[in-house]
C-alpha atoms as a PDB file:
ATOM      1  CA  MET A   1      88.136  18.451-111.313  1.00  0.00           C
ATOM      2  CA  ALA A   2      89.306  16.987-108.017  1.00  0.00           C
ATOM      3  CA  ASN A   3      86.509  15.010-106.379  1.00  0.00           C
ATOM      4  CA  ASP A   4      88.056  14.128-103.034  1.00  0.00           C
ATOM      5  CA  LYS A   5      86.300  15.735-100.117  1.00  0.00           C
ATOM      6  CA  PRO A   6      88.392  18.193 -98.098  1.00  0.00           C
ATOM      7  CA  VAL A   7      89.987  17.045 -94.866  1.00  0.00           C
ATOM      8  CA  VAL A   8      88.499  19.171 -92.071  1.00  0.00           C
ATOM      9  CA  GLN A   9      90.703  20.298 -89.202  1.00  0.00           C
ATOM     10  CA  SER A  10      90.833  23.048 -86.578  1.00  0.00           C
ATOM     11  CA  LEU A  11      93.513  25.190 -84.956  1.00  0.00           C
ATOM     12  CA  LYS A  12      93.384  26.962 -81.606  1.00  0.00           C
ATOM     13  CA  VAL A  13      94.611  30.544 -81.892  1.00  0.00           C
ATOM     14  CA  PRO A  14      94.500  33.301 -79.264  1.00  0.00           C
ATOM     15  CA  GLY A  15      90.833  34.093 -78.667  1.00  0.00           C
ATOM     16  CA  ALA A  16      89.407  31.773 -81.320  1.00  0.00           C
ATOM     17  CA  ARG A  17      89.432  28.359 -82.969  1.00  0.00           C
ATOM     18  CA  LEU A  18      89.939  28.297 -86.747  1.00  0.00           C
ATOM     19  CA  HIS A  19      88.099  25.819 -88.944  1.00  0.00           C
ATOM     20  CA  TYR A  20      90.179  24.914 -91.991  1.00  0.00           C
ATOM     21  CA  GLU A  21      89.994  22.437 -94.851  1.00  0.00           C
ATOM     22  CA  ILE A  22      92.674  20.780 -96.985  1.00  0.00           C
ATOM     23  CA  GLN A  23      92.263  19.164-100.399  1.00  0.00           C
ATOM     24  CA  GLY A  24      94.333  18.284-103.444  1.00  0.00           C
ATOM     25  CA  ALA A  25      98.031  17.572-103.908  1.00  0.00           C
ATOM     26  CA  GLY A  26     101.084  19.593-104.809  1.00  0.00           C
ATOM     27  CA  PRO A  27     102.593  22.803-103.443  1.00  0.00           C
ATOM     28  CA  LEU A  28     100.610  24.522-100.704  1.00  0.00           C
ATOM     29  CA  LEU A  29      98.140  27.252-101.665  1.00  0.00           C
ATOM     30  CA  VAL A  30      96.389  29.102 -98.842  1.00  0.00           C
ATOM     31  CA  VAL A  31      93.183  30.864 -99.912  1.00  0.00           C
ATOM     32  CA  VAL A  32      92.438  33.862 -97.702  1.00  0.00           C
ATOM     33  CA  GLY A  33      88.995  35.450 -97.652  1.00  0.00           C
ATOM     34  CA  LEU A  34      87.294  38.049 -95.520  1.00  0.00           C
ATOM     35  CA  PRO A  35      84.436  37.900 -94.787  1.00  0.00           C
ATOM     36  CA  MET A  36      84.082  34.795 -96.950  1.00  0.00           C
ATOM     37  CA  GLY A  37      85.270  31.398 -95.716  1.00  0.00           C
ATOM     38  CA  CYS A  38      85.599  27.828 -96.942  1.00  0.00           C
ATOM     39  CA  LYS A  39      82.136  27.432 -98.483  1.00  0.00           C
ATOM     40  CA  GLY A  40      82.372  30.541-100.614  1.00  0.00           C
ATOM     41  CA  PHE A  41      85.617  29.372-102.196  1.00  0.00           C
ATOM     42  CA  ALA A  42      84.458  25.787-102.833  1.00  0.00           C
ATOM     43  CA  PRO A  43      84.098  26.125-106.647  1.00  0.00           C
ATOM     44  CA  ILE A  44      87.573  27.551-107.194  1.00  0.00           C
ATOM     45  CA  SER A  45      89.186  25.367-104.521  1.00  0.00           C
ATOM     46  CA  GLN A  46      88.025  22.210-106.278  1.00  0.00           C
ATOM     47  CA  LEU A  47      89.609  23.411-109.514  1.00  0.00           C
ATOM     48  CA  LEU A  48      92.866  24.545-107.920  1.00  0.00           C
ATOM     49  CA  ALA A  49      93.184  21.211-106.091  1.00  0.00           C
ATOM     50  CA  GLU A  50      94.271  19.730-109.432  1.00  0.00           C
ATOM     51  CA  HIS A  51      97.536  21.675-109.078  1.00  0.00           C
ATOM     52  CA  PHE A  52      97.932  22.541-105.396  1.00  0.00           C
ATOM     53  CA  THR A  53      97.291  21.335-101.903  1.00  0.00           C
ATOM     54  CA  VAL A  54      94.590  23.921-101.240  1.00  0.00           C
ATOM     55  CA  VAL A  55      93.898  25.204 -97.745  1.00  0.00           C
ATOM     56  CA  THR A  56      90.774  27.253 -97.094  1.00  0.00           C
ATOM     57  CA  PHE A  57      89.553  28.464 -93.729  1.00  0.00           C
ATOM     58  CA  ASP A  58      86.772  30.386 -92.046  1.00  0.00           C
ATOM     59  CA  PRO A  59      88.191  33.657 -90.678  1.00  0.00           C
ATOM     60  CA  ARG A  60      87.802  34.130 -86.943  1.00  0.00           C
ATOM     61  CA  GLY A  61      84.223  35.013 -86.088  1.00  0.00           C
ATOM     62  CA  VAL A  62      82.809  33.523 -89.308  1.00  0.00           C
ATOM     63  CA  ILE A  63      80.712  30.298 -89.481  1.00  0.00           C
ATOM     64  CA  GLY A  64      83.031  27.535 -88.218  1.00  0.00           C
ATOM     65  CA  SER A  65      85.609  29.694 -86.440  1.00  0.00           C
ATOM     66  CA  PRO A  66      83.984  30.908 -83.213  1.00  0.00           C
ATOM     67  CA  LEU A  67      85.367  33.755 -81.138  1.00  0.00           C
ATOM     68  CA  GLU A  68      85.725  33.802 -77.379  1.00  0.00           C
ATOM     69  CA  ASP A  69      84.662  37.457 -77.585  1.00  0.00           C
ATOM     70  CA  PRO A  70      82.076  37.876 -80.380  1.00  0.00           C
ATOM     71  CA  THR A  71      82.527  41.674 -80.269  1.00  0.00           C
ATOM     72  CA  GLN A  72      86.220  41.501 -81.141  1.00  0.00           C
ATOM     73  CA  GLU A  73      87.187  43.747 -84.050  1.00  0.00           C
ATOM     74  CA  ALA A  74      88.725  42.082 -87.105  1.00  0.00           C
ATOM     75  CA  GLU A  75      91.917  44.136 -87.081  1.00  0.00           C
ATOM     76  CA  PRO A  76      94.065  43.276 -90.131  1.00  0.00           C
ATOM     77  CA  GLU A  77      97.131  42.506 -88.000  1.00  0.00           C
ATOM     78  CA  LEU A  78      95.098  40.035 -85.930  1.00  0.00           C
ATOM     79  CA  MET A  79      93.672  38.345 -89.016  1.00  0.00           C
ATOM     80  CA  ALA A  80      97.168  38.073 -90.514  1.00  0.00           C
ATOM     81  CA  ASP A  81      98.512  36.535 -87.314  1.00  0.00           C
ATOM     82  CA  ASP A  82      95.914  33.777 -87.662  1.00  0.00           C
ATOM     83  CA  VAL A  83      97.208  32.980 -91.158  1.00  0.00           C
ATOM     84  CA  HIS A  84     100.796  33.098 -89.892  1.00  0.00           C
ATOM     85  CA  ARG A  85      99.920  30.555 -87.202  1.00  0.00           C
ATOM     86  CA  LEU A  86      98.066  28.369 -89.690  1.00  0.00           C
ATOM     87  CA  ILE A  87     101.026  28.290 -92.105  1.00  0.00           C
ATOM     88  CA  SER A  88     103.392  27.583 -89.221  1.00  0.00           C
ATOM     89  CA  THR A  89     101.191  24.673 -88.113  1.00  0.00           C
ATOM     90  CA  LEU A  90     101.183  23.234 -91.629  1.00  0.00           C
ATOM     91  CA  ASP A  91     105.014  23.443 -91.541  1.00  0.00           C
ATOM     92  CA  ALA A  92     105.270  23.659 -95.312  1.00  0.00           C
ATOM     93  CA  GLY A  93     107.773  26.467 -95.776  1.00  0.00           C
ATOM     94  CA  PRO A  94     106.819  29.448 -97.957  1.00  0.00           C
ATOM     95  CA  VAL A  95     103.357  29.019 -99.507  1.00  0.00           C
ATOM     96  CA  TYR A  96     101.374  30.347-102.412  1.00  0.00           C
ATOM     97  CA  LEU A  97      98.652  32.765-101.318  1.00  0.00           C
ATOM     98  CA  PHE A  98      95.464  33.965-102.950  1.00  0.00           C
ATOM     99  CA  GLY A  99      93.709  36.756-101.056  1.00  0.00           C
ATOM    100  CA  SER A 100      90.265  38.007-102.009  1.00  0.00           C
ATOM    101  CA  SER A 101      88.753  41.342-100.906  1.00  0.00           C
ATOM    102  CA  GLY A 102      89.355  41.730 -97.162  1.00  0.00           C
ATOM    103  CA  GLY A 103      91.373  38.520 -97.352  1.00  0.00           C
ATOM    104  CA  ALA A 104      93.724  40.281 -99.768  1.00  0.00           C
ATOM    105  CA  VAL A 105      94.325  42.875 -97.052  1.00  0.00           C
ATOM    106  CA  THR A 106      95.033  40.059 -94.582  1.00  0.00           C
ATOM    107  CA  ALA A 107      97.491  38.470 -97.011  1.00  0.00           C
ATOM    108  CA  LEU A 108      99.273  41.770 -97.626  1.00  0.00           C
ATOM    109  CA  VAL A 109      99.750  42.265 -93.883  1.00  0.00           C
ATOM    110  CA  LEU A 110     101.146  38.741 -93.646  1.00  0.00           C
ATOM    111  CA  ALA A 111     103.535  39.421 -96.534  1.00  0.00           C
ATOM    112  CA  ALA A 112     104.793  42.613 -94.886  1.00  0.00           C
ATOM    113  CA  GLN A 113     105.286  40.985 -91.479  1.00  0.00           C
ATOM    114  CA  HIS A 114     106.372  37.468 -92.482  1.00  0.00           C
ATOM    115  CA  PRO A 115     107.839  37.608 -96.003  1.00  0.00           C
ATOM    116  CA  GLU A 116     109.625  34.302 -95.382  1.00  0.00           C
ATOM    117  CA  GLN A 117     106.232  32.553 -95.426  1.00  0.00           C
ATOM    118  CA  VAL A 118     105.203  33.889 -98.837  1.00  0.00           C
ATOM    119  CA  ARG A 119     106.263  32.127-102.007  1.00  0.00           C
ATOM    120  CA  ALA A 120     103.953  34.211-104.184  1.00  0.00           C
ATOM    121  CA  LEU A 121     100.775  36.198-103.550  1.00  0.00           C
ATOM    122  CA  VAL A 122      97.859  37.286-105.715  1.00  0.00           C
ATOM    123  CA  ALA A 123      95.889  40.025-103.932  1.00  0.00           C
ATOM    124  CA  HIS A 124      92.529  40.430-105.667  1.00  0.00           C
ATOM    125  CA  GLU A 125      90.803  43.794-105.178  1.00  0.00           C
ATOM    126  CA  PRO A 126      91.896  44.631-101.608  1.00  0.00           C
ATOM    127  CA  PRO A 127      89.517  47.327-100.244  1.00  0.00           C
ATOM    128  CA  LEU A 128      92.231  49.766 -99.157  1.00  0.00           C
ATOM    129  CA  LEU A 129      90.227  52.982 -99.151  1.00  0.00           C
ATOM    130  CA  GLU A 130      93.014  54.963 -97.477  1.00  0.00           C
ATOM    131  CA  LEU A 131      94.959  54.865-100.759  1.00  0.00           C
ATOM    132  CA  LEU A 132      92.269  56.824-102.639  1.00  0.00           C
ATOM    133  CA  ILE A 133      92.167  60.568-103.170  1.00  0.00           C
ATOM    134  CA  ASP A 134      88.520  60.613-102.037  1.00  0.00           C
ATOM    135  CA  ARG A 135      89.248  58.446 -98.967  1.00  0.00           C
ATOM    136  CA  GLU A 136      87.483  60.819 -96.548  1.00  0.00           C
ATOM    137  CA  GLN A 137      84.270  60.628 -98.558  1.00  0.00           C
ATOM    138  CA  MET A 138      84.518  56.845 -98.848  1.00  0.00           C
ATOM    139  CA  ARG A 139      85.292  56.481 -95.140  1.00  0.00           C
ATOM    140  CA  ALA A 140      82.187  58.511 -94.283  1.00  0.00           C
ATOM    141  CA  ALA A 141      80.074  56.407 -96.651  1.00  0.00           C
ATOM    142  CA  ILE A 142      81.251  53.188 -94.991  1.00  0.00           C
ATOM    143  CA  ASP A 143      80.508  54.622 -91.537  1.00  0.00           C
ATOM    144  CA  GLU A 144      77.003  55.566 -92.638  1.00  0.00           C
ATOM    145  CA  ILE A 145      76.330  52.106 -94.035  1.00  0.00           C
ATOM    146  CA  CYS A 146      77.663  50.303 -90.953  1.00  0.00           C
ATOM    147  CA  ASP A 147      75.506  52.464 -88.691  1.00  0.00           C
ATOM    148  CA  LEU A 148      72.444  51.909 -90.884  1.00  0.00           C
ATOM    149  CA  TYR A 149      73.022  48.144 -90.857  1.00  0.00           C
ATOM    150  CA  ARG A 150      72.167  48.031 -87.149  1.00  0.00           C
ATOM    151  CA  GLU A 151      68.708  49.435 -87.972  1.00  0.00           C
ATOM    152  CA  ASN A 152      67.906  48.003 -91.380  1.00  0.00           C
ATOM    153  CA  ARG A 153      70.099  45.206 -92.686  1.00  0.00           C
ATOM    154  CA  PRO A 154      68.617  44.818 -96.196  1.00  0.00           C
ATOM    155  CA  VAL A 155      68.719  48.540 -96.989  1.00  0.00           C
ATOM    156  CA  ALA A 156      72.265  48.901 -95.674  1.00  0.00           C
ATOM    157  CA  LEU A 157      73.393  45.908 -97.729  1.00  0.00           C
ATOM    158  CA  GLN A 158      71.901  47.371-100.889  1.00  0.00           C
ATOM    159  CA  LYS A 159      73.633  50.697-100.233  1.00  0.00           C
ATOM    160  CA  TYR A 160      76.947  48.917 -99.733  1.00  0.00           C
ATOM    161  CA  LEU A 161      76.572  46.841-102.892  1.00  0.00           C
ATOM    162  CA  ALA A 162      75.717  49.977-104.853  1.00  0.00           C
ATOM    163  CA  LEU A 163      78.650  51.916-103.382  1.00  0.00           C
ATOM    164  CA  ALA A 164      81.113  49.169-104.233  1.00  0.00           C
ATOM    165  CA  ASN A 165      79.341  48.176-107.476  1.00  0.00           C
ATOM    166  CA  ILE A 166      79.199  44.551-106.338  1.00  0.00           C
ATOM    167  CA  ARG A 167      76.607  42.145-107.695  1.00  0.00           C
ATOM    168  CA  LEU A 168      75.595  39.159-105.603  1.00  0.00           C
ATOM    169  CA  HIS A 169      75.983  35.869-107.429  1.00  0.00           C
ATOM    170  CA  ARG A 170      75.148  32.306-106.632  1.00  0.00           C
ATOM    171  CA  PRO A 171      78.092  29.906-106.537  1.00  0.00           C
ATOM    172  CA  ALA A 172      78.694  27.837-109.638  1.00  0.00           C
ATOM    173  CA  GLN A 173      77.019  24.663-108.340  1.00  0.00           C
ATOM    174  CA  GLN A 174      73.600  24.170-109.903  1.00  0.00           C
ATOM    175  CA  PRO A 175      71.512  23.518-107.917  1.00  0.00           C
ATOM    176  CA  PRO A 176      73.232  24.795-104.755  1.00  0.00           C
ATOM    177  CA  GLU A 177      74.407  22.063-102.422  1.00  0.00           C
ATOM    178  CA  PRO A 178      72.812  21.816 -98.960  1.00  0.00           C
ATOM    179  CA  ASN A 179      74.409  24.184 -96.473  1.00  0.00           C
ATOM    180  CA  SER A 180      76.211  26.015 -99.274  1.00  0.00           C
ATOM    181  CA  PHE A 181      77.242  29.645 -99.076  1.00  0.00           C
ATOM    182  CA  THR A 182      73.837  30.553-100.490  1.00  0.00           C
ATOM    183  CA  ASP A 183      72.057  29.488 -97.292  1.00  0.00           C
ATOM    184  CA  PRO A 184      70.423  32.657 -95.898  1.00  0.00           C
ATOM    185  CA  GLU A 185      71.588  31.875 -92.372  1.00  0.00           C
ATOM    186  CA  ASP A 186      75.211  31.635 -93.520  1.00  0.00           C
ATOM    187  CA  VAL A 187      74.932  34.784 -95.616  1.00  0.00           C
ATOM    188  CA  TRP A 188      73.497  36.928 -92.833  1.00  0.00           C
ATOM    189  CA  THR A 189      75.936  35.532 -90.276  1.00  0.00           C
ATOM    190  CA  ILE A 190      78.820  36.531 -92.515  1.00  0.00           C
ATOM    191  CA  LEU A 191      77.306  39.938 -93.257  1.00  0.00           C
ATOM    192  CA  ASP A 192      76.641  40.634 -89.575  1.00  0.00           C
ATOM    193  CA  ARG A 193      80.309  40.052 -88.843  1.00  0.00           C
ATOM    194  CA  LEU A 194      81.305  42.170 -91.841  1.00  0.00           C
ATOM    195  CA  PHE A 195      79.270  45.260 -90.995  1.00  0.00           C
ATOM    196  CA  HIS A 196      79.604  45.100 -87.226  1.00  0.00           C
ATOM    197  CA  HIS A 197      83.277  44.268 -86.795  1.00  0.00           C
ATOM    198  CA  THR A 198      85.192  43.840 -90.070  1.00  0.00           C
ATOM    199  CA  LEU A 199      84.499  46.468 -92.707  1.00  0.00           C
ATOM    200  CA  ARG A 200      85.743  49.530 -90.825  1.00  0.00           C
ATOM    201  CA  PRO A 201      89.124  48.183 -89.638  1.00  0.00           C
ATOM    202  CA  THR A 202      89.781  46.469 -92.977  1.00  0.00           C
ATOM    203  CA  THR A 203      89.066  49.469 -95.197  1.00  0.00           C
ATOM    204  CA  ARG A 204      90.988  51.827 -92.896  1.00  0.00           C
ATOM    205  CA  TYR A 205      94.188  49.816 -93.019  1.00  0.00           C
ATOM    206  CA  ARG A 206      97.134  51.495 -94.732  1.00  0.00           C
ATOM    207  CA  PRO A 207      99.566  48.912 -96.141  1.00  0.00           C
ATOM    208  CA  ASP A 208     103.286  48.992 -95.391  1.00  0.00           C
ATOM    209  CA  ILE A 209     104.440  49.919 -98.881  1.00  0.00           C
ATOM    210  CA  ASN A 210     108.107  50.020 -97.880  1.00  0.00           C
ATOM    211  CA  ALA A 211     107.923  46.438 -96.662  1.00  0.00           C
ATOM    212  CA  LEU A 212     105.947  45.212 -99.688  1.00  0.00           C
ATOM    213  CA  ARG A 213     107.858  46.946-102.484  1.00  0.00           C
ATOM    214  CA  PRO A 214     110.993  44.721-102.202  1.00  0.00           C
ATOM    215  CA  MET A 215     108.687  41.725-102.684  1.00  0.00           C
ATOM    216  CA  GLY A 216     107.427  43.080-105.993  1.00  0.00           C
ATOM    217  CA  ASP A 217     108.335  39.979-107.984  1.00  0.00           C
ATOM    218  CA  ARG A 218     106.320  37.820-105.603  1.00  0.00           C
ATOM    219  CA  ILE A 219     103.218  40.013-105.222  1.00  0.00           C
ATOM    220  CA  VAL A 220     100.615  40.421-107.965  1.00  0.00           C
ATOM    221  CA  ILE A 221      97.788  42.915-107.543  1.00  0.00           C
ATOM    222  CA  ALA A 222      94.654  41.828-109.393  1.00  0.00           C
ATOM    223  CA  GLY A 223      91.425  43.512-110.449  1.00  0.00           C
ATOM    224  CA  GLY A 224      88.249  42.288-112.098  1.00  0.00           C
ATOM    225  CA  SER A 225      88.213  42.622-115.884  1.00  0.00           C
ATOM    226  CA  THR A 226      84.572  43.764-115.798  1.00  0.00           C
ATOM    227  CA  ALA A 227      84.990  45.937-112.686  1.00  0.00           C
ATOM    228  CA  GLU A 228      86.976  48.883-114.022  1.00  0.00           C
ATOM    229  CA  GLY A 229      85.984  52.072-112.184  1.00  0.00           C
ATOM    230  CA  SER A 230      84.296  50.231-109.303  1.00  0.00           C
ATOM    231  CA  LEU A 231      85.419  51.073-105.779  1.00  0.00           C
ATOM    232  CA  PHE A 232      87.606  48.076-105.043  1.00  0.00           C
ATOM    233  CA  HIS A 233      89.035  47.954-108.550  1.00  0.00           C
ATOM    234  CA  ARG A 234      90.124  51.553-107.908  1.00  0.00           C
ATOM    235  CA  THR A 235      91.816  50.555-104.653  1.00  0.00           C
ATOM    236  CA  ALA A 236      93.618  47.722-106.447  1.00  0.00           C
ATOM    237  CA  VAL A 237      94.869  50.158-109.087  1.00  0.00           C
ATOM    238  CA  ALA A 238      96.020  52.568-106.381  1.00  0.00           C
ATOM    239  CA  LEU A 239      97.971  49.829-104.602  1.00  0.00           C
ATOM    240  CA  ALA A 240      99.590  48.603-107.816  1.00  0.00           C
ATOM    241  CA  ASP A 241     100.653  52.190-108.566  1.00  0.00           C
ATOM    242  CA  GLN A 242     102.228  52.580-105.123  1.00  0.00           C
ATOM    243  CA  LEU A 243     104.079  49.282-105.492  1.00  0.00           C
ATOM    244  CA  GLY A 244     105.244  50.222-108.974  1.00  0.00           C
ATOM    245  CA  THR A 245     103.639  47.178-110.587  1.00  0.00           C
ATOM    246  CA  LYS A 246     101.041  46.647-113.297  1.00  0.00           C
ATOM    247  CA  LEU A 247      97.544  45.545-112.339  1.00  0.00           C
ATOM    248  CA  VAL A 248      96.641  42.094-113.678  1.00  0.00           C
ATOM    249  CA  GLU A 249      93.043  41.760-114.831  1.00  0.00           C
ATOM    250  CA  PHE A 250      91.258  38.576-113.746  1.00  0.00           C
ATOM    251  CA  PRO A 251      87.962  37.333-115.224  1.00  0.00           C
ATOM    252  CA  GLY A 252      84.738  38.832-113.878  1.00  0.00           C
ATOM    253  CA  ASP A 253      84.198  41.402-111.173  1.00  0.00           C
ATOM    254  CA  HIS A 254      84.834  41.467-107.416  1.00  0.00           C
ATOM    255  CA  THR A 255      83.506  37.900-107.145  1.00  0.00           C
ATOM    256  CA  GLY A 256      84.932  36.584-110.390  1.00  0.00           C
ATOM    257  CA  PHE A 257      86.227  33.467-108.653  1.00  0.00           C
ATOM    258  CA  LEU A 258      82.558  32.473-108.224  1.00  0.00           C
ATOM    259  CA  THR A 259      81.085  33.516-111.553  1.00  0.00           C
ATOM    260  CA  GLU A 260      84.059  32.707-113.803  1.00  0.00           C
ATOM    261  CA  SER A 261      85.554  29.909-111.731  1.00  0.00           C
ATOM    262  CA  GLU A 262      87.290  27.896-114.448  1.00  0.00           C
ATOM    263  CA  SER A 263      88.984  30.780-116.261  1.00  0.00           C
ATOM    264  CA  PHE A 264      89.764  32.494-112.957  1.00  0.00           C
ATOM    265  CA  ALA A 265      91.409  29.360-111.535  1.00  0.00           C
ATOM    266  CA  GLN A 266      93.424  28.797-114.703  1.00  0.00           C
ATOM    267  CA  LEU A 267      94.801  32.332-114.701  1.00  0.00           C
ATOM    268  CA  LEU A 268      95.496  32.158-110.972  1.00  0.00           C
ATOM    269  CA  PHE A 269      97.511  28.975-111.475  1.00  0.00           C
ATOM    270  CA  GLU A 270      99.506  30.600-114.281  1.00  0.00           C
ATOM    271  CA  VAL A 271     100.179  33.834-112.402  1.00  0.00           C
ATOM    272  CA  LEU A 272     101.211  32.139-109.166  1.00  0.00           C
ATOM    273  CA  THR A 273     103.537  29.638-110.798  1.00  0.00           C
ATOM    274  CA  ASN A 274     105.131  32.280-113.039  1.00  0.00           C
ATOM    275  CA  ALA A 275     105.947  34.566-110.108  1.00  0.00           C
ATOM    276  CA  ARG A 276     109.545  34.495-108.926  1.00  0.00           C
ATOM    277  CA  PRO A 277     109.608  32.219-105.865  1.00  0.00           C
ATOM    278  CA  ALA A 278     110.932  33.312-102.498  1.00  0.00           C
END
């Protein structure tokens, strides 16, 4: 495992300043999360740094990436523009991308709008509820949870986790490092941003299938091997069907990169490097 500490940098983007970290050596891999940022991806980033120059970042409004307007909605196009600007700043040509959850939605928007920047993309369980047959019911459930969160955060969180069949896990470090993702302050800060300004616009996004389909050899849609039938596994299946590709099962559930870090990182390396480059 790579032991070098990440190099910490920042980038001014319209309305925000992005905190990002670089570690490892090799071709560039940008890890895109939402709502999760650098700390949440630390276990897998350290493993992937054996093969790639890994870039992680805190999405605007999360932890180290403050917003000028804290009430700004996390519209997928805006989040993707941040990644576009980050890749342009790194000046590395087309990059490998791994997008997780809402970050997978961000990465898909980037691929549709800037295909020249994408060497290969693994989109892991993007929460694209608009692709489901029961999208109206799911949309209403998300609205109810977001409204409840303003009154009772713990109850709303439990309802959301139950709806999506997500289990909370501690990162792989034992014991957790100081200021790790498990810190309650970090967790609630991320969740506040998620339920107040991120979840609705992210789950309501409808991907540009016509723009993504020609990139089929460069885009892999992934689902958790233990998550079959869960909400975001269903959305991943629906997207793969629309793109005419086969879903690739990755170890674990929606947070398999945390709970099954080694096997997840190994498969991610294999899938990315076997994809046809841009």
